[in-house]
Amino acid sequence: REKDWEISIELKPRWCNQGYGTEALSLFLKNVYRITENRFFRARVDIDNYASQALMEKLGAYPNGISEFLLSGENLEKFKRENMYMIDENMKKVAEKFCVDPEEILGHVLEYRFDMSGW
């Protein structure tokens, strides 16, 4: 019933970096779109999962904000305070791409959005 359906993919390590994720996700999205005509999908990716971020961008997904996943409220704020050291140059680049401060991105997941109308 959601406007943007959430998709997920997970590959065993031995199948990573061989193009399987790109092929599988592309075929899946194209076919679900063809069958359902649902045009929008979202995917949530961990901040430090640079390979999945690259996959999303390769397939045409674009940054659509950040969201809470496992932490919220005071637990999220505590995590941020205790893990500021995790902010490195890569995380700063990701935060800039998502138009948020690096401190804000800690403890969240990235949201990507697919618009299938151009497929």
C-alpha atoms as a PDB file:
ATOM      1  CA  ARG A   1       0.000   0.000   0.000  1.00  0.00           C
ATOM      2  CA  GLU A   2       3.017   2.255   0.253  1.00  0.00           C
ATOM      3  CA  LYS A   3       3.657   4.610  -2.631  1.00  0.00           C
ATOM      4  CA  ASP A   4       7.310   3.574  -2.735  1.00  0.00           C
ATOM      5  CA  TRP A   5       7.772  -0.159  -2.378  1.00  0.00           C
ATOM      6  CA  GLU A   6      10.892  -1.153  -0.485  1.00  0.00           C
ATOM      7  CA  ILE A   7      13.279  -3.566  -2.138  1.00  0.00           C
ATOM      8  CA  SER A   8      16.217  -5.418  -0.676  1.00  0.00           C
ATOM      9  CA  ILE A   9      19.029  -7.556  -1.999  1.00  0.00           C
ATOM     10  CA  GLU A  10      21.713  -9.505  -0.222  1.00  0.00           C
ATOM     11  CA  LEU A  11      24.451 -11.533  -1.856  1.00  0.00           C
ATOM     12  CA  LYS A  12      26.745 -14.029  -0.231  1.00  0.00           C
ATOM     13  CA  PRO A  13      30.304 -12.695  -0.230  1.00  0.00           C
ATOM     14  CA  ARG A  14      31.511 -15.183  -2.848  1.00  0.00           C
ATOM     15  CA  TRP A  15      29.021 -13.723  -5.362  1.00  0.00           C
ATOM     16  CA  CYS A  16      29.920 -10.062  -4.766  1.00  0.00           C
ATOM     17  CA  ASN A  17      31.835  -7.851  -7.213  1.00  0.00           C
ATOM     18  CA  GLN A  18      30.940 -10.027 -10.205  1.00  0.00           C
ATOM     19  CA  GLY A  19      27.950  -8.103 -11.560  1.00  0.00           C
ATOM     20  CA  TYR A  20      25.310 -10.460 -10.167  1.00  0.00           C
ATOM     21  CA  GLY A  21      23.736  -7.812  -7.951  1.00  0.00           C
ATOM     22  CA  THR A  22      23.395  -5.387 -10.835  1.00  0.00           C
ATOM     23  CA  GLU A  23      21.878  -8.010 -13.118  1.00  0.00           C
ATOM     24  CA  ALA A  24      19.542  -9.485 -10.502  1.00  0.00           C
ATOM     25  CA  LEU A  25      18.230  -6.181  -9.189  1.00  0.00           C
ATOM     26  CA  SER A  26      17.797  -4.749 -12.672  1.00  0.00           C
ATOM     27  CA  LEU A  27      15.792  -7.775 -13.853  1.00  0.00           C
ATOM     28  CA  PHE A  28      13.738  -7.805 -10.672  1.00  0.00           C
ATOM     29  CA  LEU A  29      12.840  -4.116 -10.858  1.00  0.00           C
ATOM     30  CA  LYS A  30      12.002  -4.242 -14.561  1.00  0.00           C
ATOM     31  CA  ASN A  31       9.717  -7.227 -14.128  1.00  0.00           C
ATOM     32  CA  VAL A  32       7.946  -5.978 -11.016  1.00  0.00           C
ATOM     33  CA  TYR A  33       7.373  -2.660 -12.775  1.00  0.00           C
ATOM     34  CA  ARG A  34       6.073  -4.429 -15.895  1.00  0.00           C
ATOM     35  CA  ILE A  35       3.706  -6.637 -13.897  1.00  0.00           C
ATOM     36  CA  THR A  36       2.454  -4.137 -11.318  1.00  0.00           C
ATOM     37  CA  GLU A  37       3.042  -0.765 -12.986  1.00  0.00           C
ATOM     38  CA  ASN A  38       4.312   0.428  -9.622  1.00  0.00           C
ATOM     39  CA  ARG A  39       6.744   3.114 -10.648  1.00  0.00           C
ATOM     40  CA  PHE A  40       8.585   3.954  -7.440  1.00  0.00           C
ATOM     41  CA  PHE A  41      10.810   1.800  -5.258  1.00  0.00           C
ATOM     42  CA  ARG A  42      13.089   2.602  -2.371  1.00  0.00           C
ATOM     43  CA  ALA A  43      16.104   0.847  -0.962  1.00  0.00           C
ATOM     44  CA  ARG A  44      17.811   1.446   2.351  1.00  0.00           C
ATOM     45  CA  VAL A  45      21.578   1.058   2.515  1.00  0.00           C
ATOM     46  CA  ASP A  46      23.990   1.197   5.435  1.00  0.00           C
ATOM     47  CA  ILE A  47      26.176   4.279   5.518  1.00  0.00           C
ATOM     48  CA  ASP A  48      29.389   2.279   5.269  1.00  0.00           C
ATOM     49  CA  ASN A  49      28.187  -0.087   2.526  1.00  0.00           C
ATOM     50  CA  TYR A  50      29.862   1.721  -0.338  1.00  0.00           C
ATOM     51  CA  ALA A  51      29.427  -1.193  -2.762  1.00  0.00           C
ATOM     52  CA  SER A  52      25.639  -1.144  -2.335  1.00  0.00           C
ATOM     53  CA  GLN A  53      25.603   2.631  -2.662  1.00  0.00           C
ATOM     54  CA  ALA A  54      27.476   2.300  -5.952  1.00  0.00           C
ATOM     55  CA  LEU A  55      24.997  -0.371  -7.090  1.00  0.00           C
ATOM     56  CA  MET A  56      22.032   1.890  -6.353  1.00  0.00           C
ATOM     57  CA  GLU A  57      23.587   4.743  -8.288  1.00  0.00           C
ATOM     58  CA  LYS A  58      24.616   2.487 -11.172  1.00  0.00           C
ATOM     59  CA  LEU A  59      20.987   1.436 -11.547  1.00  0.00           C
ATOM     60  CA  GLY A  60      19.774   5.036 -11.504  1.00  0.00           C
ATOM     61  CA  ALA A  61      18.523   5.350  -7.948  1.00  0.00           C
ATOM     62  CA  TYR A  62      18.989   8.755  -6.386  1.00  0.00           C
ATOM     63  CA  PRO A  63      19.440   9.913  -2.782  1.00  0.00           C
ATOM     64  CA  ASN A  64      16.111  10.308  -0.994  1.00  0.00           C
ATOM     65  CA  GLY A  65      17.132  11.165   2.551  1.00  0.00           C
ATOM     66  CA  ILE A  66      18.063   9.160   5.608  1.00  0.00           C
ATOM     67  CA  SER A  67      15.909   7.120   7.948  1.00  0.00           C
ATOM     68  CA  GLU A  68      16.007   5.472  11.316  1.00  0.00           C
ATOM     69  CA  PHE A  69      16.420   1.738  11.272  1.00  0.00           C
ATOM     70  CA  LEU A  70      17.436   0.048  14.511  1.00  0.00           C
ATOM     71  CA  LEU A  71      17.980   3.088  16.699  1.00  0.00           C
ATOM     72  CA  SER A  72      15.665   5.919  17.664  1.00  0.00           C
ATOM     73  CA  GLY A  73      15.149   8.523  20.343  1.00  0.00           C
ATOM     74  CA  GLU A  74      17.687   8.624  23.156  1.00  0.00           C
ATOM     75  CA  ASN A  75      19.397   5.437  21.923  1.00  0.00           C
ATOM     76  CA  LEU A  76      20.093   7.119  18.597  1.00  0.00           C
ATOM     77  CA  GLU A  77      21.398  10.276  20.260  1.00  0.00           C
ATOM     78  CA  LYS A  78      23.648   8.232  22.545  1.00  0.00           C
ATOM     79  CA  PHE A  79      24.997   6.302  19.560  1.00  0.00           C
ATOM     80  CA  LYS A  80      25.816   9.567  17.786  1.00  0.00           C
ATOM     81  CA  ARG A  81      27.638  10.980  20.821  1.00  0.00           C
ATOM     82  CA  GLU A  82      29.669   7.807  21.338  1.00  0.00           C
ATOM     83  CA  ASN A  83      30.587   7.261  17.692  1.00  0.00           C
ATOM     84  CA  MET A  84      31.632  10.650  16.344  1.00  0.00           C
ATOM     85  CA  TYR A  85      35.065   9.125  15.719  1.00  0.00           C
ATOM     86  CA  MET A  86      33.533   7.066  12.887  1.00  0.00           C
ATOM     87  CA  ILE A  87      33.133  10.142  10.700  1.00  0.00           C
ATOM     88  CA  ASP A  88      35.828   9.906   8.042  1.00  0.00           C
ATOM     89  CA  GLU A  89      36.259  11.429   4.590  1.00  0.00           C
ATOM     90  CA  ASN A  90      34.088   8.759   2.944  1.00  0.00           C
ATOM     91  CA  MET A  91      31.248   9.377   5.360  1.00  0.00           C
ATOM     92  CA  LYS A  92      31.561  13.125   4.821  1.00  0.00           C
ATOM     93  CA  LYS A  93      31.165  12.600   1.069  1.00  0.00           C
ATOM     94  CA  VAL A  94      28.096  10.418   1.617  1.00  0.00           C
ATOM     95  CA  ALA A  95      26.570  13.001   3.961  1.00  0.00           C
ATOM     96  CA  GLU A  96      27.169  15.727   1.390  1.00  0.00           C
ATOM     97  CA  LYS A  97      25.487  13.632  -1.307  1.00  0.00           C
ATOM     98  CA  PHE A  98      22.444  13.252   0.961  1.00  0.00           C
ATOM     99  CA  CYS A  99      22.503  16.942   1.965  1.00  0.00           C
ATOM    100  CA  VAL A 100      22.919  16.313   5.702  1.00  0.00           C
ATOM    101  CA  ASP A 101      25.660  17.054   8.207  1.00  0.00           C
ATOM    102  CA  PRO A 102      28.030  14.128   8.829  1.00  0.00           C
ATOM    103  CA  GLU A 103      26.997  14.088  12.510  1.00  0.00           C
ATOM    104  CA  GLU A 104      23.354  13.648  11.504  1.00  0.00           C
ATOM    105  CA  ILE A 105      24.019  10.630   9.325  1.00  0.00           C
ATOM    106  CA  LEU A 106      25.425   8.520  12.182  1.00  0.00           C
ATOM    107  CA  GLY A 107      23.049   5.788  13.316  1.00  0.00           C
ATOM    108  CA  HIS A 108      20.814   6.145  10.270  1.00  0.00           C
ATOM    109  CA  VAL A 109      20.504   4.332   6.963  1.00  0.00           C
ATOM    110  CA  LEU A 110      20.527   5.940   3.548  1.00  0.00           C
ATOM    111  CA  GLU A 111      17.402   5.902   1.430  1.00  0.00           C
ATOM    112  CA  TYR A 112      17.612   5.624  -2.324  1.00  0.00           C
ATOM    113  CA  ARG A 113      14.658   5.991  -4.661  1.00  0.00           C
ATOM    114  CA  PHE A 114      14.058   4.419  -8.051  1.00  0.00           C
ATOM    115  CA  ASP A 115      11.720   5.964 -10.590  1.00  0.00           C
ATOM    116  CA  MET A 116      11.017   3.285 -13.172  1.00  0.00           C
ATOM    117  CA  SER A 117       9.392   5.604 -15.713  1.00  0.00           C
ATOM    118  CA  GLY A 118      12.650   5.897 -17.648  1.00  0.00           C
ATOM    119  CA  TRP A 119      13.318   2.164 -17.786  1.00  0.00           C
END
